[in-house]
Amino acid sequence: MNKEELCQKIRAIYPDIGACGIDLDVVYDAGNDRWKVGLKRDKKELKTFLEPEDAELCMEGKQCLSLAIEINQLKDSIDRMPKE
Protein backbone atom coordinates (compact mmCIF):
# COMPACT_ATOMS: atom_id res chain seq x y z
CA MET A 1 0.00 0.00 0.00
CA ASN A 2 1.23 3.47 -0.82
CA LYS A 3 -0.08 6.95 -0.10
CA GLU A 4 -1.81 7.29 -3.49
CA GLU A 5 -3.75 4.07 -2.94
CA LEU A 6 -4.78 5.16 0.55
CA CYS A 7 -5.85 8.60 -0.78
CA GLN A 8 -7.97 6.93 -3.44
CA LYS A 9 -9.62 4.70 -0.84
CA ILE A 10 -10.43 7.67 1.43
CA ARG A 11 -11.88 9.56 -1.54
CA ALA A 12 -13.95 6.50 -2.46
CA ILE A 13 -15.45 6.48 1.05
CA TYR A 14 -15.81 10.30 1.17
CA PRO A 15 -16.30 11.53 -2.41
CA ASP A 16 -16.92 15.10 -1.22
CA ILE A 17 -13.32 15.37 -0.06
CA GLY A 18 -11.56 17.24 -2.82
CA ALA A 19 -14.78 18.11 -4.64
CA CYS A 20 -15.99 20.59 -2.01
CA GLY A 21 -12.77 22.44 -1.37
CA ILE A 22 -11.36 19.96 1.11
CA ASP A 23 -7.78 19.02 0.27
CA LEU A 24 -6.47 15.63 1.37
CA ASP A 25 -2.88 14.80 2.22
CA VAL A 26 -1.61 11.38 3.29
CA VAL A 27 1.96 10.55 4.33
CA TYR A 28 3.51 7.67 6.21
CA ASP A 29 5.08 8.91 9.44
CA ALA A 30 7.91 6.45 10.07
CA GLY A 31 8.69 8.00 13.47
CA ASN A 32 5.19 7.17 14.71
CA ASP A 33 4.78 4.07 12.51
CA ARG A 34 1.36 5.35 11.40
CA TRP A 35 -0.28 7.05 8.44
CA LYS A 36 -0.79 10.80 8.91
CA VAL A 37 -3.92 12.11 7.20
CA GLY A 38 -4.49 15.82 6.83
CA LEU A 39 -7.59 17.69 5.67
CA LYS A 40 -7.44 21.32 4.67
CA ARG A 41 -10.20 23.75 3.78
CA ASP A 42 -9.31 27.37 3.15
CA LYS A 43 -6.78 28.19 5.89
CA LYS A 44 -8.08 25.53 8.29
CA GLU A 45 -6.06 22.34 8.58
CA LEU A 46 -6.38 19.30 10.83
CA LYS A 47 -4.48 16.00 10.99
CA THR A 48 -5.06 12.57 12.41
CA PHE A 49 -3.14 9.31 12.50
CA LEU A 50 -4.29 5.94 11.19
CA GLU A 51 -2.89 2.69 12.47
CA PRO A 52 -1.24 0.73 9.63
CA GLU A 53 -3.32 -2.35 10.46
CA ASP A 54 -6.59 -0.39 10.14
CA ALA A 55 -5.51 1.13 6.83
CA GLU A 56 -4.42 -2.29 5.51
CA LEU A 57 -7.73 -3.96 6.46
CA CYS A 58 -9.62 -1.25 4.64
CA MET A 59 -7.39 -1.45 1.57
CA GLU A 60 -8.05 -5.20 1.45
CA GLY A 61 -11.80 -4.52 1.51
CA LYS A 62 -12.23 -6.33 4.82
CA GLN A 63 -13.10 -3.57 7.30
CA CYS A 64 -13.10 0.21 6.87
CA LEU A 65 -14.93 1.21 10.04
CA SER A 66 -11.89 2.51 11.94
CA LEU A 67 -10.62 4.45 8.95
CA ALA A 68 -14.08 5.86 8.22
CA ILE A 69 -14.60 6.96 11.84
CA GLU A 70 -11.24 8.75 11.97
CA ILE A 71 -11.77 10.56 8.66
CA ASN A 72 -15.37 11.43 9.52
CA GLN A 73 -14.34 12.94 12.86
CA LEU A 74 -11.61 14.93 11.12
CA LYS A 75 -14.02 16.17 8.45
CA ASP A 76 -16.67 17.09 11.04
CA SER A 77 -14.09 18.97 13.11
CA ILE A 78 -12.94 21.01 10.14
CA ASP A 79 -16.58 21.74 9.23
CA ARG A 80 -17.26 23.06 12.77
CA MET A 81 -14.27 25.40 12.82
CA PRO A 82 -15.27 29.07 12.67
CA LYS A 83 -15.06 30.77 9.32
CA GLU A 84 -12.38 33.42 8.99
PDB file of N, CA and C in Angstrom:
ATOM      1  N   MET A   1       0.851  -1.168   0.000  1.00  0.00           N
ATOM      2  CA  MET A   1       0.000   0.000   0.000  1.00  0.00           C
ATOM      3  C   MET A   1       0.900   1.235   0.000  1.00  0.00           C
ATOM      4  N   ASN A   2       0.519   2.206  -0.829  1.00  0.00           N
ATOM      5  CA  ASN A   2       1.235   3.469  -0.821  1.00  0.00           C
ATOM      6  C   ASN A   2       0.249   4.608  -0.568  1.00  0.00           C
ATOM      7  N   LYS A   3       0.777   5.827  -0.467  1.00  0.00           N
ATOM      8  CA  LYS A   3      -0.082   6.953  -0.102  1.00  0.00           C
ATOM      9  C   LYS A   3      -1.137   7.251  -1.157  1.00  0.00           C
ATOM     10  N   GLU A   4      -0.827   7.041  -2.431  1.00  0.00           N
ATOM     11  CA  GLU A   4      -1.811   7.287  -3.493  1.00  0.00           C
ATOM     12  C   GLU A   4      -2.987   6.321  -3.386  1.00  0.00           C
ATOM     13  N   GLU A   5      -2.691   5.061  -3.095  1.00  0.00           N
ATOM     14  CA  GLU A   5      -3.754   4.067  -2.943  1.00  0.00           C
ATOM     15  C   GLU A   5      -4.642   4.398  -1.735  1.00  0.00           C
ATOM     16  N   LEU A   6      -4.014   4.809  -0.641  1.00  0.00           N
ATOM     17  CA  LEU A   6      -4.779   5.158   0.553  1.00  0.00           C
ATOM     18  C   LEU A   6      -5.624   6.412   0.295  1.00  0.00           C
ATOM     19  N   CYS A   7      -5.073   7.401  -0.408  1.00  0.00           N
ATOM     20  CA  CYS A   7      -5.850   8.602  -0.775  1.00  0.00           C
ATOM     21  C   CYS A   7      -7.060   8.223  -1.616  1.00  0.00           C
ATOM     22  N   GLN A   8      -6.869   7.353  -2.582  1.00  0.00           N
ATOM     23  CA  GLN A   8      -7.973   6.927  -3.441  1.00  0.00           C
ATOM     24  C   GLN A   8      -9.058   6.228  -2.635  1.00  0.00           C
ATOM     25  N   LYS A   9      -8.651   5.412  -1.671  1.00  0.00           N
ATOM     26  CA  LYS A   9      -9.619   4.700  -0.839  1.00  0.00           C
ATOM     27  C   LYS A   9     -10.421   5.686   0.014  1.00  0.00           C
ATOM     28  N   ILE A  10      -9.733   6.663   0.614  1.00  0.00           N
ATOM     29  CA  ILE A  10     -10.425   7.667   1.428  1.00  0.00           C
ATOM     30  C   ILE A  10     -11.407   8.454   0.563  1.00  0.00           C
ATOM     31  N   ARG A  11     -10.985   8.827  -0.634  1.00  0.00           N
ATOM     32  CA  ARG A  11     -11.879   9.562  -1.539  1.00  0.00           C
ATOM     33  C   ARG A  11     -13.050   8.702  -1.997  1.00  0.00           C
ATOM     34  N   ALA A  12     -12.846   7.396  -2.088  1.00  0.00           N
ATOM     35  CA  ALA A  12     -13.951   6.503  -2.456  1.00  0.00           C
ATOM     36  C   ALA A  12     -14.997   6.463  -1.337  1.00  0.00           C
ATOM     37  N   ILE A  13     -14.549   6.508  -0.092  1.00  0.00           N
ATOM     38  CA  ILE A  13     -15.454   6.480   1.052  1.00  0.00           C
ATOM     39  C   ILE A  13     -16.108   7.852   1.236  1.00  0.00           C
ATOM     40  N   TYR A  14     -15.337   8.913   1.013  1.00  0.00           N
ATOM     41  CA  TYR A  14     -15.814  10.295   1.166  1.00  0.00           C
ATOM     42  C   TYR A  14     -15.598  11.057  -0.132  1.00  0.00           C
ATOM     43  N   PRO A  15     -16.485  10.886  -1.111  1.00  0.00           N
ATOM     44  CA  PRO A  15     -16.295  11.527  -2.414  1.00  0.00           C
ATOM     45  C   PRO A  15     -16.334  13.052  -2.367  1.00  0.00           C
ATOM     46  N   ASP A  16     -16.896  13.637  -1.304  1.00  0.00           N
ATOM     47  CA  ASP A  16     -16.922  15.099  -1.224  1.00  0.00           C
ATOM     48  C   ASP A  16     -15.578  15.698  -0.820  1.00  0.00           C
ATOM     49  N   ILE A  17     -14.655  14.873  -0.352  1.00  0.00           N
ATOM     50  CA  ILE A  17     -13.316  15.369  -0.055  1.00  0.00           C
ATOM     51  C   ILE A  17     -12.623  15.628  -1.392  1.00  0.00           C
ATOM     52  N   GLY A  18     -12.162  16.837  -1.556  1.00  0.00           N
ATOM     53  CA  GLY A  18     -11.556  17.241  -2.820  1.00  0.00           C
ATOM     54  C   GLY A  18     -12.543  17.978  -3.691  1.00  0.00           C
ATOM     55  N   ALA A  19     -13.775  17.484  -3.778  1.00  0.00           N
ATOM     56  CA  ALA A  19     -14.777  18.109  -4.637  1.00  0.00           C
ATOM     57  C   ALA A  19     -15.361  19.363  -4.001  1.00  0.00           C
ATOM     58  N   CYS A  20     -15.372  19.447  -2.695  1.00  0.00           N
ATOM     59  CA  CYS A  20     -15.995  20.588  -2.015  1.00  0.00           C
ATOM     60  C   CYS A  20     -14.962  21.492  -1.362  1.00  0.00           C
ATOM     61  N   GLY A  21     -13.796  21.557  -1.911  1.00  0.00           N
ATOM     62  CA  GLY A  21     -12.769  22.441  -1.372  1.00  0.00           C
ATOM     63  C   GLY A  21     -12.003  21.862  -0.208  1.00  0.00           C
ATOM     64  N   ILE A  22     -12.133  20.596   0.041  1.00  0.00           N
ATOM     65  CA  ILE A  22     -11.363  19.960   1.110  1.00  0.00           C
ATOM     66  C   ILE A  22     -10.189  19.225   0.460  1.00  0.00           C
ATOM     67  N   ASP A  23      -8.980  19.667   0.788  1.00  0.00           N
ATOM     68  CA  ASP A  23      -7.781  19.019   0.272  1.00  0.00           C
ATOM     69  C   ASP A  23      -7.377  17.887   1.211  1.00  0.00           C
ATOM     70  N   LEU A  24      -6.870  16.827   0.640  1.00  0.00           N
ATOM     71  CA  LEU A  24      -6.470  15.633   1.373  1.00  0.00           C
ATOM     72  C   LEU A  24      -4.982  15.403   1.187  1.00  0.00           C
ATOM     73  N   ASP A  25      -4.296  15.120   2.288  1.00  0.00           N
ATOM     74  CA  ASP A  25      -2.879  14.800   2.224  1.00  0.00           C
ATOM     75  C   ASP A  25      -2.630  13.577   3.094  1.00  0.00           C
ATOM     76  N   VAL A  26      -1.929  12.607   2.560  1.00  0.00           N
ATOM     77  CA  VAL A  26      -1.606  11.383   3.293  1.00  0.00           C
ATOM     78  C   VAL A  26      -0.118  11.123   3.177  1.00  0.00           C
ATOM     79  N   VAL A  27       0.541  10.915   4.312  1.00  0.00           N
ATOM     80  CA  VAL A  27       1.962  10.550   4.326  1.00  0.00           C
ATOM     81  C   VAL A  27       2.177   9.498   5.409  1.00  0.00           C
ATOM     82  N   TYR A  28       3.167   8.647   5.185  1.00  0.00           N
ATOM     83  CA  TYR A  28       3.511   7.673   6.210  1.00  0.00           C
ATOM     84  C   TYR A  28       4.518   8.318   7.147  1.00  0.00           C
ATOM     85  N   ASP A  29       4.207   8.328   8.427  1.00  0.00           N
ATOM     86  CA  ASP A  29       5.077   8.907   9.443  1.00  0.00           C
ATOM     87  C   ASP A  29       5.864   7.757  10.080  1.00  0.00           C
ATOM     88  N   ALA A  30       7.091   7.566   9.608  1.00  0.00           N
ATOM     89  CA  ALA A  30       7.906   6.447  10.074  1.00  0.00           C
ATOM     90  C   ALA A  30       8.232   6.572  11.561  1.00  0.00           C
ATOM     91  N   GLY A  31       8.389   7.791  12.056  1.00  0.00           N
ATOM     92  CA  GLY A  31       8.692   7.997  13.471  1.00  0.00           C
ATOM     93  C   GLY A  31       7.585   7.508  14.385  1.00  0.00           C
ATOM     94  N   ASN A  32       6.337   7.633  13.937  1.00  0.00           N
ATOM     95  CA  ASN A  32       5.188   7.171  14.709  1.00  0.00           C
ATOM     96  C   ASN A  32       4.665   5.832  14.222  1.00  0.00           C
ATOM     97  N   ASP A  33       5.205   5.338  13.120  1.00  0.00           N
ATOM     98  CA  ASP A  33       4.781   4.075  12.515  1.00  0.00           C
ATOM     99  C   ASP A  33       3.279   4.076  12.242  1.00  0.00           C
ATOM    100  N   ARG A  34       2.782   5.211  11.730  1.00  0.00           N
ATOM    101  CA  ARG A  34       1.364   5.346  11.399  1.00  0.00           C
ATOM    102  C   ARG A  34       1.216   6.245  10.169  1.00  0.00           C
ATOM    103  N   TRP A  35       0.053   6.175   9.549  1.00  0.00           N
ATOM    104  CA  TRP A  35      -0.282   7.052   8.441  1.00  0.00           C
ATOM    105  C   TRP A  35      -0.820   8.364   8.989  1.00  0.00           C
ATOM    106  N   LYS A  36      -0.296   9.480   8.506  1.00  0.00           N
ATOM    107  CA  LYS A  36      -0.786  10.799   8.909  1.00  0.00           C
ATOM    108  C   LYS A  36      -1.689  11.320   7.796  1.00  0.00           C
ATOM    109  N   VAL A  37      -2.933  11.621   8.158  1.00  0.00           N
ATOM    110  CA  VAL A  37      -3.921  12.108   7.201  1.00  0.00           C
ATOM    111  C   VAL A  37      -4.275  13.541   7.572  1.00  0.00           C
ATOM    112  N   GLY A  38      -4.159  14.431   6.596  1.00  0.00           N
ATOM    113  CA  GLY A  38      -4.491  15.824   6.827  1.00  0.00           C
ATOM    114  C   GLY A  38      -5.605  16.277   5.904  1.00  0.00           C
ATOM    115  N   LEU A  39      -6.538  17.053   6.456  1.00  0.00           N
ATOM    116  CA  LEU A  39      -7.587  17.687   5.666  1.00  0.00           C
ATOM    117  C   LEU A  39      -7.410  19.183   5.791  1.00  0.00           C
ATOM    118  N   LYS A  40      -7.596  19.872   4.675  1.00  0.00           N
ATOM    119  CA  LYS A  40      -7.436  21.316   4.673  1.00  0.00           C
ATOM    120  C   LYS A  40      -8.570  21.941   3.881  1.00  0.00           C
ATOM    121  N   ARG A  41      -9.177  22.972   4.466  1.00  0.00           N
ATOM    122  CA  ARG A  41     -10.205  23.749   3.784  1.00  0.00           C
ATOM    123  C   ARG A  41      -9.882  25.210   4.077  1.00  0.00           C
ATOM    124  N   ASP A  42      -9.721  25.983   3.017  1.00  0.00           N
ATOM    125  CA  ASP A  42      -9.305  27.373   3.148  1.00  0.00           C
ATOM    126  C   ASP A  42      -8.004  27.409   3.950  1.00  0.00           C
ATOM    127  N   LYS A  43      -7.996  28.117   5.071  1.00  0.00           N
ATOM    128  CA  LYS A  43      -6.781  28.190   5.894  1.00  0.00           C
ATOM    129  C   LYS A  43      -6.844  27.255   7.096  1.00  0.00           C
ATOM    130  N   LYS A  44      -7.899  26.466   7.181  1.00  0.00           N
ATOM    131  CA  LYS A  44      -8.075  25.525   8.289  1.00  0.00           C
ATOM    132  C   LYS A  44      -7.455  24.186   7.908  1.00  0.00           C
ATOM    133  N   GLU A  45      -6.700  23.622   8.838  1.00  0.00           N
ATOM    134  CA  GLU A  45      -6.064  22.340   8.576  1.00  0.00           C
ATOM    135  C   GLU A  45      -6.035  21.504   9.851  1.00  0.00           C
ATOM    136  N   LEU A  46      -6.418  20.244   9.719  1.00  0.00           N
ATOM    137  CA  LEU A  46      -6.383  19.301  10.835  1.00  0.00           C
ATOM    138  C   LEU A  46      -5.741  18.005  10.359  1.00  0.00           C
ATOM    139  N   LYS A  47      -5.139  17.273  11.313  1.00  0.00           N
ATOM    140  CA  LYS A  47      -4.482  16.001  10.988  1.00  0.00           C
ATOM    141  C   LYS A  47      -4.883  14.942  11.997  1.00  0.00           C
ATOM    142  N   THR A  48      -4.827  13.716  11.536  1.00  0.00           N
ATOM    143  CA  THR A  48      -5.056  12.572  12.410  1.00  0.00           C
ATOM    144  C   THR A  48      -4.113  11.457  11.981  1.00  0.00           C
ATOM    145  N   PHE A  49      -3.989  10.459  12.812  1.00  0.00           N
ATOM    146  CA  PHE A  49      -3.142   9.310  12.499  1.00  0.00           C
ATOM    147  C   PHE A  49      -3.998   8.059  12.351  1.00  0.00           C
ATOM    148  N   LEU A  50      -3.637   7.233  11.392  1.00  0.00           N
ATOM    149  CA  LEU A  50      -4.293   5.942  11.188  1.00  0.00           C
ATOM    150  C   LEU A  50      -3.296   4.834  11.479  1.00  0.00           C
ATOM    151  N   GLU A  51      -3.738   3.849  12.203  1.00  0.00           N
ATOM    152  CA  GLU A  51      -2.890   2.690  12.466  1.00  0.00           C
ATOM    153  C   GLU A  51      -2.692   1.925  11.154  1.00  0.00           C
ATOM    154  N   PRO A  52      -1.491   1.452  10.880  1.00  0.00           N
ATOM    155  CA  PRO A  52      -1.239   0.726   9.628  1.00  0.00           C
ATOM    156  C   PRO A  52      -2.158  -0.484   9.449  1.00  0.00           C
ATOM    157  N   GLU A  53      -2.466  -1.174  10.551  1.00  0.00           N
ATOM    158  CA  GLU A  53      -3.325  -2.353  10.462  1.00  0.00           C
ATOM    159  C   GLU A  53      -4.732  -1.970  10.008  1.00  0.00           C
ATOM    160  N   ASP A  54      -5.254  -0.851  10.531  1.00  0.00           N
ATOM    161  CA  ASP A  54      -6.586  -0.393  10.136  1.00  0.00           C
ATOM    162  C   ASP A  54      -6.618   0.009   8.664  1.00  0.00           C
ATOM    163  N   ALA A  55      -5.582   0.713   8.237  1.00  0.00           N
ATOM    164  CA  ALA A  55      -5.505   1.128   6.832  1.00  0.00           C
ATOM    165  C   ALA A  55      -5.403  -0.101   5.925  1.00  0.00           C
ATOM    166  N   GLU A  56      -4.611  -1.078   6.322  1.00  0.00           N
ATOM    167  CA  GLU A  56      -4.425  -2.286   5.515  1.00  0.00           C
ATOM    168  C   GLU A  56      -5.727  -3.077   5.398  1.00  0.00           C
ATOM    169  N   LEU A  57      -6.453  -3.246   6.505  1.00  0.00           N
ATOM    170  CA  LEU A  57      -7.726  -3.962   6.459  1.00  0.00           C
ATOM    171  C   LEU A  57      -8.699  -3.288   5.504  1.00  0.00           C
ATOM    172  N   CYS A  58      -8.721  -1.976   5.526  1.00  0.00           N
ATOM    173  CA  CYS A  58      -9.620  -1.246   4.638  1.00  0.00           C
ATOM    174  C   CYS A  58      -9.182  -1.403   3.180  1.00  0.00           C
ATOM    175  N   MET A  59      -7.893  -1.317   2.936  1.00  0.00           N
ATOM    176  CA  MET A  59      -7.387  -1.452   1.568  1.00  0.00           C
ATOM    177  C   MET A  59      -7.701  -2.838   1.004  1.00  0.00           C
ATOM    178  N   GLU A  60      -7.738  -3.831   1.876  1.00  0.00           N
ATOM    179  CA  GLU A  60      -8.050  -5.198   1.448  1.00  0.00           C
ATOM    180  C   GLU A  60      -9.556  -5.421   1.307  1.00  0.00           C
ATOM    181  N   GLY A  61     -10.354  -4.400   1.622  1.00  0.00           N
ATOM    182  CA  GLY A  61     -11.801  -4.520   1.510  1.00  0.00           C
ATOM    183  C   GLY A  61     -12.440  -5.322   2.624  1.00  0.00           C
ATOM    184  N   LYS A  62     -11.727  -5.500   3.724  1.00  0.00           N
ATOM    185  CA  LYS A  62     -12.228  -6.328   4.820  1.00  0.00           C
ATOM    186  C   LYS A  62     -13.005  -5.525   5.858  1.00  0.00           C
ATOM    187  N   GLN A  63     -12.470  -4.344   6.239  1.00  0.00           N
ATOM    188  CA  GLN A  63     -13.104  -3.574   7.299  1.00  0.00           C
ATOM    189  C   GLN A  63     -12.583  -2.148   7.251  1.00  0.00           C
ATOM    190  N   CYS A  64     -13.486  -1.200   6.976  1.00  0.00           N
ATOM    191  CA  CYS A  64     -13.098   0.210   6.874  1.00  0.00           C
ATOM    192  C   CYS A  64     -13.676   1.060   7.995  1.00  0.00           C
ATOM    193  N   LEU A  65     -14.265   0.448   8.995  1.00  0.00           N
ATOM    194  CA  LEU A  65     -14.932   1.208  10.043  1.00  0.00           C
ATOM    195  C   LEU A  65     -13.979   2.146  10.773  1.00  0.00           C
ATOM    196  N   SER A  66     -12.830   1.664  11.206  1.00  0.00           N
ATOM    197  CA  SER A  66     -11.889   2.508  11.944  1.00  0.00           C
ATOM    198  C   SER A  66     -11.414   3.682  11.095  1.00  0.00           C
ATOM    199  N   LEU A  67     -11.062   3.401   9.850  1.00  0.00           N
ATOM    200  CA  LEU A  67     -10.620   4.454   8.952  1.00  0.00           C
ATOM    201  C   LEU A  67     -11.744   5.461   8.723  1.00  0.00           C
ATOM    202  N   ALA A  68     -12.939   4.983   8.485  1.00  0.00           N
ATOM    203  CA  ALA A  68     -14.080   5.863   8.222  1.00  0.00           C
ATOM    204  C   ALA A  68     -14.398   6.738   9.435  1.00  0.00           C
ATOM    205  N   ILE A  69     -14.332   6.185  10.631  1.00  0.00           N
ATOM    206  CA  ILE A  69     -14.601   6.964  11.840  1.00  0.00           C
ATOM    207  C   ILE A  69     -13.570   8.071  12.002  1.00  0.00           C
ATOM    208  N   GLU A  70     -12.298   7.751  11.830  1.00  0.00           N
ATOM    209  CA  GLU A  70     -11.238   8.751  11.975  1.00  0.00           C
ATOM    210  C   GLU A  70     -11.400   9.887  10.967  1.00  0.00           C
ATOM    211  N   ILE A  71     -11.637   9.550   9.709  1.00  0.00           N
ATOM    212  CA  ILE A  71     -11.766  10.560   8.662  1.00  0.00           C
ATOM    213  C   ILE A  71     -13.041  11.374   8.873  1.00  0.00           C
ATOM    214  N   ASN A  72     -14.120  10.718   9.276  1.00  0.00           N
ATOM    215  CA  ASN A  72     -15.371  11.429   9.519  1.00  0.00           C
ATOM    216  C   ASN A  72     -15.220  12.427  10.668  1.00  0.00           C
ATOM    217  N   GLN A  73     -14.562  12.034  11.741  1.00  0.00           N
ATOM    218  CA  GLN A  73     -14.335  12.942  12.859  1.00  0.00           C
ATOM    219  C   GLN A  73     -13.477  14.128  12.428  1.00  0.00           C
ATOM    220  N   LEU A  74     -12.469  13.873  11.623  1.00  0.00           N
ATOM    221  CA  LEU A  74     -11.606  14.931  11.118  1.00  0.00           C
ATOM    222  C   LEU A  74     -12.399  15.895  10.243  1.00  0.00           C
ATOM    223  N   LYS A  75     -13.199  15.351   9.355  1.00  0.00           N
ATOM    224  CA  LYS A  75     -14.022  16.167   8.453  1.00  0.00           C
ATOM    225  C   LYS A  75     -15.043  16.980   9.239  1.00  0.00           C
ATOM    226  N   ASP A  76     -15.704  16.368  10.213  1.00  0.00           N
ATOM    227  CA  ASP A  76     -16.672  17.087  11.044  1.00  0.00           C
ATOM    228  C   ASP A  76     -16.003  18.208  11.835  1.00  0.00           C
ATOM    229  N   SER A  77     -14.810  17.945  12.351  1.00  0.00           N
ATOM    230  CA  SER A  77     -14.091  18.968  13.115  1.00  0.00           C
ATOM    231  C   SER A  77     -13.734  20.164  12.242  1.00  0.00           C
ATOM    232  N   ILE A  78     -13.300  19.914  11.040  1.00  0.00           N
ATOM    233  CA  ILE A  78     -12.945  21.015  10.144  1.00  0.00           C
ATOM    234  C   ILE A  78     -14.201  21.778   9.715  1.00  0.00           C
ATOM    235  N   ASP A  79     -15.324  21.080   9.577  1.00  0.00           N
ATOM    236  CA  ASP A  79     -16.583  21.738   9.232  1.00  0.00           C
ATOM    237  C   ASP A  79     -17.079  22.647  10.363  1.00  0.00           C
ATOM    238  N   ARG A  80     -16.795  22.277  11.614  1.00  0.00           N
ATOM    239  CA  ARG A  80     -17.263  23.056  12.767  1.00  0.00           C
ATOM    240  C   ARG A  80     -16.359  24.240  13.108  1.00  0.00           C
ATOM    241  N   MET A  81     -15.190  24.291  12.519  1.00  0.00           N
ATOM    242  CA  MET A  81     -14.274  25.400  12.822  1.00  0.00           C
ATOM    243  C   MET A  81     -14.870  26.709  12.330  1.00  0.00           C
ATOM    244  N   PRO A  82     -14.695  27.785  13.095  1.00  0.00           N
ATOM    245  CA  PRO A  82     -15.272  29.073  12.674  1.00  0.00           C
ATOM    246  C   PRO A  82     -14.670  29.554  11.361  1.00  0.00           C
ATOM    247  N   LYS A  83     -15.519  30.208  10.587  1.00  0.00           N
ATOM    248  CA  LYS A  83     -15.058  30.774   9.318  1.00  0.00           C
ATOM    249  C   LYS A  83     -14.245  32.020   9.615  1.00  0.00           C
ATOM    250  N   GLU A  84     -13.256  32.238   8.787  1.00  0.00           N
ATOM    251  CA  GLU A  84     -12.384  33.416   8.985  1.00  0.00           C
ATOM    252  C   GLU A  84     -12.941  34.621   8.292  1.00  0.00           C
TER     253      GLU A  84
END
